[in-house]
Amino acid sequence: MSDRLCLQGILFVLYNDMAWQLLPLELGFGSGQTCWRRLDRWQEEGVFDQLHRVPLAELNAAGELDWSRACVDGSHICAKKGAPAPVRRRSTGGKRAADTT
């Protein structure tokens, strides 16, 4: 299965908001499972990050980007979810017997 056909299948599934297993074989994109595995592999390899960075770099070099209108959200950077909770320490010593005097 060619990468181009798999990408078309991935885009078809995402655009139509459908389950992978419902991708019609008659369209020629391969099975939904094949498209999903290719999407997962490409994501792990950073293909989509590159597809985002390369045009940005080219547009920036050409002075075609207006960075005053840029924004950053949690889908592009790691967001801290608060301070780490302190670890609760458990006592390893036995309980003291009450003084019997």
PDB file of N, CA and C in Angstrom:
ATOM      1  N   MET A   1       0.851  -1.182   0.000  1.00  0.00           N
ATOM      2  CA  MET A   1       0.000   0.000   0.000  1.00  0.00           C
ATOM      3  C   MET A   1       0.893   1.239   0.000  1.00  0.00           C
ATOM      4  N   SER A   2       0.639   2.144  -0.904  1.00  0.00           N
ATOM      5  CA  SER A   2       1.473   3.344  -1.001  1.00  0.00           C
ATOM      6  C   SER A   2       1.166   4.302   0.154  1.00  0.00           C
ATOM      7  N   ASP A   3       2.170   5.088   0.501  1.00  0.00           N
ATOM      8  CA  ASP A   3       1.994   6.088   1.558  1.00  0.00           C
ATOM      9  C   ASP A   3       0.906   7.089   1.190  1.00  0.00           C
ATOM     10  N   ARG A   4       0.866   7.453  -0.083  1.00  0.00           N
ATOM     11  CA  ARG A   4      -0.120   8.438  -0.529  1.00  0.00           C
ATOM     12  C   ARG A   4      -1.547   7.933  -0.320  1.00  0.00           C
ATOM     13  N   LEU A   5      -1.794   6.672  -0.695  1.00  0.00           N
ATOM     14  CA  LEU A   5      -3.134   6.108  -0.512  1.00  0.00           C
ATOM     15  C   LEU A   5      -3.483   5.985   0.970  1.00  0.00           C
ATOM     16  N   CYS A   6      -2.501   5.597   1.791  1.00  0.00           N
ATOM     17  CA  CYS A   6      -2.747   5.510   3.233  1.00  0.00           C
ATOM     18  C   CYS A   6      -3.077   6.887   3.801  1.00  0.00           C
ATOM     19  N   LEU A   7      -2.355   7.909   3.387  1.00  0.00           N
ATOM     20  CA  LEU A   7      -2.639   9.260   3.863  1.00  0.00           C
ATOM     21  C   LEU A   7      -4.046   9.683   3.442  1.00  0.00           C
ATOM     22  N   GLN A   8      -4.425   9.350   2.219  1.00  0.00           N
ATOM     23  CA  GLN A   8      -5.783   9.670   1.771  1.00  0.00           C
ATOM     24  C   GLN A   8      -6.823   8.937   2.621  1.00  0.00           C
ATOM     25  N   GLY A   9      -6.547   7.677   2.961  1.00  0.00           N
ATOM     26  CA  GLY A   9      -7.451   6.914   3.817  1.00  0.00           C
ATOM     27  C   GLY A   9      -7.546   7.522   5.205  1.00  0.00           C
ATOM     28  N   ILE A  10      -6.405   7.940   5.748  1.00  0.00           N
ATOM     29  CA  ILE A  10      -6.379   8.576   7.079  1.00  0.00           C
ATOM     30  C   ILE A  10      -7.203   9.858   7.051  1.00  0.00           C
ATOM     31  N   LEU A  11      -6.985  10.680   6.038  1.00  0.00           N
ATOM     32  CA  LEU A  11      -7.726  11.934   5.925  1.00  0.00           C
ATOM     33  C   LEU A  11      -9.222  11.686   5.728  1.00  0.00           C
ATOM     34  N   PHE A  12      -9.566  10.651   4.984  1.00  0.00           N
ATOM     35  CA  PHE A  12     -10.969  10.311   4.770  1.00  0.00           C
ATOM     36  C   PHE A  12     -11.638   9.940   6.093  1.00  0.00           C
ATOM     37  N   VAL A  13     -10.961   9.095   6.873  1.00  0.00           N
ATOM     38  CA  VAL A  13     -11.519   8.668   8.172  1.00  0.00           C
ATOM     39  C   VAL A  13     -11.658   9.865   9.109  1.00  0.00           C
ATOM     40  N   LEU A  14     -10.632  10.697   9.183  1.00  0.00           N
ATOM     41  CA  LEU A  14     -10.676  11.847  10.085  1.00  0.00           C
ATOM     42  C   LEU A  14     -11.709  12.879   9.637  1.00  0.00           C
ATOM     43  N   TYR A  15     -11.765  13.151   8.346  1.00  0.00           N
ATOM     44  CA  TYR A  15     -12.713  14.135   7.831  1.00  0.00           C
ATOM     45  C   TYR A  15     -14.156  13.694   8.066  1.00  0.00           C
ATOM     46  N   ASN A  16     -14.419  12.400   7.873  1.00  0.00           N
ATOM     47  CA  ASN A  16     -15.773  11.872   8.020  1.00  0.00           C
ATOM     48  C   ASN A  16     -16.086  11.415   9.440  1.00  0.00           C
ATOM     49  N   ASP A  17     -15.115  11.568  10.362  1.00  0.00           N
ATOM     50  CA  ASP A  17     -15.314  11.225  11.768  1.00  0.00           C
ATOM     51  C   ASP A  17     -15.924   9.832  11.913  1.00  0.00           C
ATOM     52  N   MET A  18     -15.233   8.865  11.323  1.00  0.00           N
ATOM     53  CA  MET A  18     -15.739   7.498  11.331  1.00  0.00           C
ATOM     54  C   MET A  18     -14.740   6.555  11.977  1.00  0.00           C
ATOM     55  N   ALA A  19     -15.198   5.395  12.342  1.00  0.00           N
ATOM     56  CA  ALA A  19     -14.320   4.380  12.924  1.00  0.00           C
ATOM     57  C   ALA A  19     -13.400   3.819  11.839  1.00  0.00           C
ATOM     58  N   TRP A  20     -12.186   3.475  12.242  1.00  0.00           N
ATOM     59  CA  TRP A  20     -11.208   2.952  11.277  1.00  0.00           C
ATOM     60  C   TRP A  20     -11.733   1.720  10.552  1.00  0.00           C
ATOM     61  N   GLN A  21     -12.414   0.832  11.271  1.00  0.00           N
ATOM     62  CA  GLN A  21     -12.869  -0.411  10.656  1.00  0.00           C
ATOM     63  C   GLN A  21     -13.987  -0.189   9.642  1.00  0.00           C
ATOM     64  N   LEU A  22     -14.547   1.017   9.591  1.00  0.00           N
ATOM     65  CA  LEU A  22     -15.612   1.311   8.630  1.00  0.00           C
ATOM     66  C   LEU A  22     -15.094   1.934   7.336  1.00  0.00           C
ATOM     67  N   LEU A  23     -13.784   2.072   7.202  1.00  0.00           N
ATOM     68  CA  LEU A  23     -13.219   2.611   5.957  1.00  0.00           C
ATOM     69  C   LEU A  23     -13.514   1.634   4.823  1.00  0.00           C
ATOM     70  N   PRO A  24     -14.267   2.066   3.808  1.00  0.00           N
ATOM     71  CA  PRO A  24     -14.644   1.145   2.720  1.00  0.00           C
ATOM     72  C   PRO A  24     -13.432   0.737   1.879  1.00  0.00           C
ATOM     73  N   LEU A  25     -13.246  -0.554   1.701  1.00  0.00           N
ATOM     74  CA  LEU A  25     -12.139  -1.063   0.880  1.00  0.00           C
ATOM     75  C   LEU A  25     -12.289  -0.637  -0.577  1.00  0.00           C
ATOM     76  N   GLU A  26     -13.535  -0.405  -1.005  1.00  0.00           N
ATOM     77  CA  GLU A  26     -13.794  -0.048  -2.402  1.00  0.00           C
ATOM     78  C   GLU A  26     -13.132   1.279  -2.791  1.00  0.00           C
ATOM     79  N   LEU A  27     -12.803   2.111  -1.825  1.00  0.00           N
ATOM     80  CA  LEU A  27     -12.177   3.402  -2.124  1.00  0.00           C
ATOM     81  C   LEU A  27     -10.706   3.253  -2.515  1.00  0.00           C
ATOM     82  N   GLY A  28     -10.124   2.109  -2.203  1.00  0.00           N
ATOM     83  CA  GLY A  28      -8.748   1.846  -2.620  1.00  0.00           C
ATOM     84  C   GLY A  28      -7.675   2.368  -1.681  1.00  0.00           C
ATOM     85  N   PHE A  29      -8.073   2.762  -0.460  1.00  0.00           N
ATOM     86  CA  PHE A  29      -7.105   3.287   0.507  1.00  0.00           C
ATOM     87  C   PHE A  29      -6.489   2.192   1.365  1.00  0.00           C
ATOM     88  N   GLY A  30      -6.908   0.970   1.185  1.00  0.00           N
ATOM     89  CA  GLY A  30      -6.470  -0.112   2.061  1.00  0.00           C
ATOM     90  C   GLY A  30      -7.431  -0.224   3.232  1.00  0.00           C
ATOM     91  N   SER A  31      -7.125  -1.120   4.133  1.00  0.00           N
ATOM     92  CA  SER A  31      -8.015  -1.315   5.277  1.00  0.00           C
ATOM     93  C   SER A  31      -7.816  -0.201   6.298  1.00  0.00           C
ATOM     94  N   GLY A  32      -8.812  -0.004   7.124  1.00  0.00           N
ATOM     95  CA  GLY A  32      -8.708   0.972   8.198  1.00  0.00           C
ATOM     96  C   GLY A  32      -7.578   0.637   9.145  1.00  0.00           C
ATOM     97  N   GLN A  33      -7.373  -0.658   9.396  1.00  0.00           N
ATOM     98  CA  GLN A  33      -6.300  -1.096  10.291  1.00  0.00           C
ATOM     99  C   GLN A  33      -4.931  -0.718   9.721  1.00  0.00           C
ATOM    100  N   THR A  34      -4.756  -0.896   8.422  1.00  0.00           N
ATOM    101  CA  THR A  34      -3.493  -0.523   7.769  1.00  0.00           C
ATOM    102  C   THR A  34      -3.259   0.980   7.885  1.00  0.00           C
ATOM    103  N   CYS A  35      -4.301   1.761   7.608  1.00  0.00           N
ATOM    104  CA  CYS A  35      -4.171   3.218   7.696  1.00  0.00           C
ATOM    105  C   CYS A  35      -3.862   3.648   9.124  1.00  0.00           C
ATOM    106  N   TRP A  36      -4.525   3.027  10.098  1.00  0.00           N
ATOM    107  CA  TRP A  36      -4.293   3.385  11.492  1.00  0.00           C
ATOM    108  C   TRP A  36      -2.852   3.055  11.908  1.00  0.00           C
ATOM    109  N   ARG A  37      -2.365   1.865  11.501  1.00  0.00           N
ATOM    110  CA  ARG A  37      -0.974   1.493  11.849  1.00  0.00           C
ATOM    111  C   ARG A  37       0.017   2.463  11.222  1.00  0.00           C
ATOM    112  N   ARG A  38      -0.228   2.863   9.973  1.00  0.00           N
ATOM    113  CA  ARG A  38       0.675   3.808   9.306  1.00  0.00           C
ATOM    114  C   ARG A  38       0.633   5.157  10.025  1.00  0.00           C
ATOM    115  N   LEU A  39      -0.560   5.622  10.398  1.00  0.00           N
ATOM    116  CA  LEU A  39      -0.692   6.871  11.139  1.00  0.00           C
ATOM    117  C   LEU A  39       0.082   6.799  12.452  1.00  0.00           C
ATOM    118  N   ASP A  40      -0.054   5.696  13.167  1.00  0.00           N
ATOM    119  CA  ASP A  40       0.652   5.517  14.444  1.00  0.00           C
ATOM    120  C   ASP A  40       2.162   5.533  14.238  1.00  0.00           C
ATOM    121  N   ARG A  41       2.644   4.843  13.222  1.00  0.00           N
ATOM    122  CA  ARG A  41       4.089   4.810  12.939  1.00  0.00           C
ATOM    123  C   ARG A  41       4.605   6.193  12.560  1.00  0.00           C
ATOM    124  N   TRP A  42       3.868   6.896  11.708  1.00  0.00           N
ATOM    125  CA  TRP A  42       4.283   8.236  11.293  1.00  0.00           C
ATOM    126  C   TRP A  42       4.302   9.184  12.483  1.00  0.00           C
ATOM    127  N   GLN A  43       3.336   9.042  13.366  1.00  0.00           N
ATOM    128  CA  GLN A  43       3.302   9.892  14.557  1.00  0.00           C
ATOM    129  C   GLN A  43       4.532   9.642  15.426  1.00  0.00           C
ATOM    130  N   GLU A  44       4.871   8.365  15.639  1.00  0.00           N
ATOM    131  CA  GLU A  44       6.050   8.016  16.439  1.00  0.00           C
ATOM    132  C   GLU A  44       7.342   8.524  15.801  1.00  0.00           C
ATOM    133  N   GLU A  45       7.404   8.521  14.478  1.00  0.00           N
ATOM    134  CA  GLU A  45       8.605   8.954  13.756  1.00  0.00           C
ATOM    135  C   GLU A  45       8.698  10.478  13.630  1.00  0.00           C
ATOM    136  N   GLY A  46       7.676  11.195  14.057  1.00  0.00           N
ATOM    137  CA  GLY A  46       7.709  12.654  14.001  1.00  0.00           C
ATOM    138  C   GLY A  46       7.408  13.242  12.638  1.00  0.00           C
ATOM    139  N   VAL A  47       6.774  12.465  11.770  1.00  0.00           N
ATOM    140  CA  VAL A  47       6.481  12.937  10.414  1.00  0.00           C
ATOM    141  C   VAL A  47       5.598  14.183  10.439  1.00  0.00           C
ATOM    142  N   PHE A  48       4.578  14.185  11.285  1.00  0.00           N
ATOM    143  CA  PHE A  48       3.644  15.312  11.298  1.00  0.00           C
ATOM    144  C   PHE A  48       4.272  16.560  11.917  1.00  0.00           C
ATOM    145  N   ASP A  49       5.179  16.369  12.865  1.00  0.00           N
ATOM    146  CA  ASP A  49       5.914  17.519  13.404  1.00  0.00           C
ATOM    147  C   ASP A  49       6.748  18.168  12.302  1.00  0.00           C
ATOM    148  N   GLN A  50       7.384  17.340  11.477  1.00  0.00           N
ATOM    149  CA  GLN A  50       8.176  17.869  10.363  1.00  0.00           C
ATOM    150  C   GLN A  50       7.289  18.574   9.346  1.00  0.00           C
ATOM    151  N   LEU A  51       6.128  17.980   9.061  1.00  0.00           N
ATOM    152  CA  LEU A  51       5.208  18.599   8.110  1.00  0.00           C
ATOM    153  C   LEU A  51       4.730  19.959   8.612  1.00  0.00           C
ATOM    154  N   HIS A  52       4.788  20.159   9.884  1.00  0.00           N
ATOM    155  CA  HIS A  52       4.389  21.438  10.469  1.00  0.00           C
ATOM    156  C   HIS A  52       5.571  22.419  10.476  1.00  0.00           C
ATOM    157  N   ARG A  53       6.753  21.927  10.827  1.00  0.00           N
ATOM    158  CA  ARG A  53       7.923  22.803  10.981  1.00  0.00           C
ATOM    159  C   ARG A  53       8.488  23.302   9.649  1.00  0.00           C
ATOM    160  N   VAL A  54       8.553  22.438   8.656  1.00  0.00           N
ATOM    161  CA  VAL A  54       9.202  22.805   7.390  1.00  0.00           C
ATOM    162  C   VAL A  54       8.507  23.994   6.720  1.00  0.00           C
ATOM    163  N   PRO A  55       7.196  23.946   6.515  1.00  0.00           N
ATOM    164  CA  PRO A  55       6.565  25.126   5.890  1.00  0.00           C
ATOM    165  C   PRO A  55       6.665  26.382   6.762  1.00  0.00           C
ATOM    166  N   LEU A  56       6.594  26.212   8.090  1.00  0.00           N
ATOM    167  CA  LEU A  56       6.749  27.375   8.967  1.00  0.00           C
ATOM    168  C   LEU A  56       8.121  28.006   8.797  1.00  0.00           C
ATOM    169  N   ALA A  57       9.153  27.174   8.745  1.00  0.00           N
ATOM    170  CA  ALA A  57      10.516  27.688   8.580  1.00  0.00           C
ATOM    171  C   ALA A  57      10.670  28.412   7.243  1.00  0.00           C
ATOM    172  N   GLU A  58      10.094  27.825   6.185  1.00  0.00           N
ATOM    173  CA  GLU A  58      10.194  28.448   4.862  1.00  0.00           C
ATOM    174  C   GLU A  58       9.423  29.770   4.816  1.00  0.00           C
ATOM    175  N   LEU A  59       8.237  29.786   5.383  1.00  0.00           N
ATOM    176  CA  LEU A  59       7.448  31.026   5.408  1.00  0.00           C
ATOM    177  C   LEU A  59       8.119  32.090   6.268  1.00  0.00           C
ATOM    178  N   ASN A  60       8.704  31.671   7.384  1.00  0.00           N
ATOM    179  CA  ASN A  60       9.398  32.617   8.251  1.00  0.00           C
ATOM    180  C   ASN A  60      10.610  33.219   7.539  1.00  0.00           C
ATOM    181  N   ALA A  61      11.378  32.365   6.846  1.00  0.00           N
ATOM    182  CA  ALA A  61      12.561  32.841   6.114  1.00  0.00           C
ATOM    183  C   ALA A  61      12.161  33.836   5.024  1.00  0.00           C
ATOM    184  N   ALA A  62      10.985  33.654   4.459  1.00  0.00           N
ATOM    185  CA  ALA A  62      10.519  34.556   3.404  1.00  0.00           C
ATOM    186  C   ALA A  62       9.811  35.784   3.977  1.00  0.00           C
ATOM    187  N   GLY A  63       9.751  35.889   5.310  1.00  0.00           N
ATOM    188  CA  GLY A  63       9.088  37.024   5.940  1.00  0.00           C
ATOM    189  C   GLY A  63       7.586  37.030   5.757  1.00  0.00           C
ATOM    190  N   GLU A  64       7.003  35.860   5.576  1.00  0.00           N
ATOM    191  CA  GLU A  64       5.579  35.762   5.289  1.00  0.00           C
ATOM    192  C   GLU A  64       4.722  35.435   6.517  1.00  0.00           C
ATOM    193  N   LEU A  65       5.335  35.368   7.697  1.00  0.00           N
ATOM    194  CA  LEU A  65       4.569  35.059   8.905  1.00  0.00           C
ATOM    195  C   LEU A  65       4.426  36.284   9.782  1.00  0.00           C
ATOM    196  N   ASP A  66       3.241  36.468  10.320  1.00  0.00           N
ATOM    197  CA  ASP A  66       2.982  37.554  11.263  1.00  0.00           C
ATOM    198  C   ASP A  66       2.972  36.935  12.663  1.00  0.00           C
ATOM    199  N   TRP A  67       4.135  36.940  13.331  1.00  0.00           N
ATOM    200  CA  TRP A  67       4.257  36.289  14.634  1.00  0.00           C
ATOM    201  C   TRP A  67       3.506  37.031  15.735  1.00  0.00           C
ATOM    202  N   SER A  68       3.064  38.255  15.481  1.00  0.00           N
ATOM    203  CA  SER A  68       2.301  38.982  16.500  1.00  0.00           C
ATOM    204  C   SER A  68       0.930  38.345  16.717  1.00  0.00           C
ATOM    205  N   ARG A  69       0.511  37.500  15.797  1.00  0.00           N
ATOM    206  CA  ARG A  69      -0.788  36.845  15.906  1.00  0.00           C
ATOM    207  C   ARG A  69      -0.648  35.375  16.287  1.00  0.00           C
ATOM    208  N   ALA A  70       0.529  34.955  16.706  1.00  0.00           N
ATOM    209  CA  ALA A  70       0.760  33.553  17.073  1.00  0.00           C
ATOM    210  C   ALA A  70       0.268  33.286  18.485  1.00  0.00           C
ATOM    211  N   CYS A  71      -0.116  32.059  18.751  1.00  0.00           N
ATOM    212  CA  CYS A  71      -0.501  31.663  20.105  1.00  0.00           C
ATOM    213  C   CYS A  71      -0.010  30.245  20.355  1.00  0.00           C
ATOM    214  N   VAL A  72       0.139  29.920  21.610  1.00  0.00           N
ATOM    215  CA  VAL A  72       0.597  28.592  22.006  1.00  0.00           C
ATOM    216  C   VAL A  72      -0.448  28.004  22.928  1.00  0.00           C
ATOM    217  N   ASP A  73      -0.756  26.752  22.715  1.00  0.00           N
ATOM    218  CA  ASP A  73      -1.688  26.096  23.626  1.00  0.00           C
ATOM    219  C   ASP A  73      -1.107  24.762  24.077  1.00  0.00           C
ATOM    220  N   GLY A  74      -1.829  24.067  24.897  1.00  0.00           N
ATOM    221  CA  GLY A  74      -1.342  22.832  25.502  1.00  0.00           C
ATOM    222  C   GLY A  74      -1.114  21.692  24.529  1.00  0.00           C
ATOM    223  N   SER A  75      -1.599  21.811  23.298  1.00  0.00           N
ATOM    224  CA  SER A  75      -1.371  20.730  22.342  1.00  0.00           C
ATOM    225  C   SER A  75       0.022  20.803  21.730  1.00  0.00           C
ATOM    226  N   HIS A  76       0.739  21.920  21.961  1.00  0.00           N
ATOM    227  CA  HIS A  76       2.074  22.087  21.387  1.00  0.00           C
ATOM    228  C   HIS A  76       3.199  22.100  22.420  1.00  0.00           C
ATOM    229  N   ILE A  77       2.869  22.295  23.666  1.00  0.00           N
ATOM    230  CA  ILE A  77       3.884  22.293  24.712  1.00  0.00           C
ATOM    231  C   ILE A  77       3.385  21.462  25.888  1.00  0.00           C
ATOM    232  N   CYS A  78       4.304  20.976  26.684  1.00  0.00           N
ATOM    233  CA  CYS A  78       3.928  20.221  27.873  1.00  0.00           C
ATOM    234  C   CYS A  78       3.425  21.189  28.928  1.00  0.00           C
ATOM    235  N   ALA A  79       2.286  20.903  29.476  1.00  0.00           N
ATOM    236  CA  ALA A  79       1.719  21.755  30.516  1.00  0.00           C
ATOM    237  C   ALA A  79       1.924  21.082  31.869  1.00  0.00           C
ATOM    238  N   LYS A  80       2.428  21.849  32.821  1.00  0.00           N
ATOM    239  CA  LYS A  80       2.590  21.324  34.176  1.00  0.00           C
ATOM    240  C   LYS A  80       1.215  21.169  34.797  1.00  0.00           C
ATOM    241  N   LYS A  81       1.039  20.101  35.516  1.00  0.00           N
ATOM    242  CA  LYS A  81      -0.251  19.854  36.155  1.00  0.00           C
ATOM    243  C   LYS A  81      -0.150  20.067  37.656  1.00  0.00           C
ATOM    244  N   GLY A  82       0.507  21.126  38.062  1.00  0.00           N
ATOM    245  CA  GLY A  82       0.657  21.422  39.481  1.00  0.00           C
ATOM    246  C   GLY A  82       1.920  20.808  40.045  1.00  0.00           C
ATOM    247  N   ALA A  83       2.198  21.179  41.275  1.00  0.00           N
ATOM    248  CA  ALA A  83       3.395  20.672  41.943  1.00  0.00           C
ATOM    249  C   ALA A  83       3.199  19.201  42.284  1.00  0.00           C
ATOM    250  N   PRO A  84       4.277  18.436  42.257  1.00  0.00           N
ATOM    251  CA  PRO A  84       4.144  17.026  42.617  1.00  0.00           C
ATOM    252  C   PRO A  84       3.733  16.890  44.078  1.00  0.00           C
ATOM    253  N   ALA A  85       2.866  15.947  44.342  1.00  0.00           N
ATOM    254  CA  ALA A  85       2.403  15.719  45.713  1.00  0.00           C
ATOM    255  C   ALA A  85       3.533  15.100  46.531  1.00  0.00           C
ATOM    256  N   PRO A  86       3.684  15.520  47.776  1.00  0.00           N
ATOM    257  CA  PRO A  86       4.742  14.925  48.599  1.00  0.00           C
ATOM    258  C   PRO A  86       4.436  13.446  48.866  1.00  0.00           C
ATOM    259  N   VAL A  87       5.493  12.689  48.952  1.00  0.00           N
ATOM    260  CA  VAL A  87       5.339  11.258  49.218  1.00  0.00           C
ATOM    261  C   VAL A  87       5.053  11.077  50.700  1.00  0.00           C
ATOM    262  N   ARG A  88       4.017  10.335  50.988  1.00  0.00           N
ATOM    263  CA  ARG A  88       3.670  10.084  52.381  1.00  0.00           C
ATOM    264  C   ARG A  88       4.541   8.951  52.898  1.00  0.00           C
ATOM    265  N   ARG A  89       5.248   9.220  53.951  1.00  0.00           N
ATOM    266  CA  ARG A  89       6.159   8.219  54.494  1.00  0.00           C
ATOM    267  C   ARG A  89       5.433   7.358  55.513  1.00  0.00           C
ATOM    268  N   ARG A  90       5.698   6.089  55.438  1.00  0.00           N
ATOM    269  CA  ARG A  90       5.101   5.154  56.382  1.00  0.00           C
ATOM    270  C   ARG A  90       6.104   4.839  57.479  1.00  0.00           C
ATOM    271  N   SER A  91       5.617   4.754  58.641  1.00  0.00           N
ATOM    272  CA  SER A  91       6.475   4.403  59.764  1.00  0.00           C
ATOM    273  C   SER A  91       6.811   2.924  59.682  1.00  0.00           C
ATOM    274  N   THR A  92       8.069   2.618  59.918  1.00  0.00           N
ATOM    275  CA  THR A  92       8.468   1.210  59.916  1.00  0.00           C
ATOM    276  C   THR A  92       8.653   0.673  61.330  1.00  0.00           C
ATOM    277  N   GLY A  93       8.589   1.568  62.298  1.00  0.00           N
ATOM    278  CA  GLY A  93       8.747   1.138  63.695  1.00  0.00           C
ATOM    279  C   GLY A  93       7.435   0.628  64.260  1.00  0.00           C
ATOM    280  N   GLY A  94       7.526  -0.220  65.257  1.00  0.00           N
ATOM    281  CA  GLY A  94       6.319  -0.724  65.912  1.00  0.00           C
ATOM    282  C   GLY A  94       5.731   0.325  66.834  1.00  0.00           C
ATOM    283  N   LYS A  95       4.517   0.091  67.266  1.00  0.00           N
ATOM    284  CA  LYS A  95       3.877   1.020  68.199  1.00  0.00           C
ATOM    285  C   LYS A  95       4.473   0.832  69.577  1.00  0.00           C
ATOM    286  N   ARG A  96       4.655   1.919  70.287  1.00  0.00           N
ATOM    287  CA  ARG A  96       5.193   1.855  71.653  1.00  0.00           C
ATOM    288  C   ARG A  96       4.110   1.363  72.600  1.00  0.00           C
ATOM    289  N   ALA A  97       4.550   0.547  73.517  1.00  0.00           N
ATOM    290  CA  ALA A  97       3.609   0.086  74.554  1.00  0.00           C
ATOM    291  C   ALA A  97       3.412   1.213  75.552  1.00  0.00           C
ATOM    292  N   ALA A  98       2.218   1.314  76.094  1.00  0.00           N
ATOM    293  CA  ALA A  98       1.917   2.358  77.061  1.00  0.00           C
ATOM    294  C   ALA A  98       2.738   2.114  78.328  1.00  0.00           C
ATOM    295  N   ASP A  99       3.237   3.205  78.912  1.00  0.00           N
ATOM    296  CA  ASP A  99       4.021   3.098  80.152  1.00  0.00           C
ATOM    297  C   ASP A  99       3.103   2.515  81.247  1.00  0.00           C
ATOM    298  N   THR A 100       3.602   1.538  81.952  1.00  0.00           N
ATOM    299  CA  THR A 100       2.842   0.925  83.059  1.00  0.00           C
ATOM    300  C   THR A 100       3.582   1.183  84.347  1.00  0.00           C
ATOM    301  N   THR A 101       3.596   2.364  84.846  1.00  0.00           N
ATOM    302  CA  THR A 101       4.273   2.682  86.122  1.00  0.00           C
ATOM    303  C   THR A 101       3.307   3.023  87.198  1.00  0.00           C
TER     304      THR A 101
END
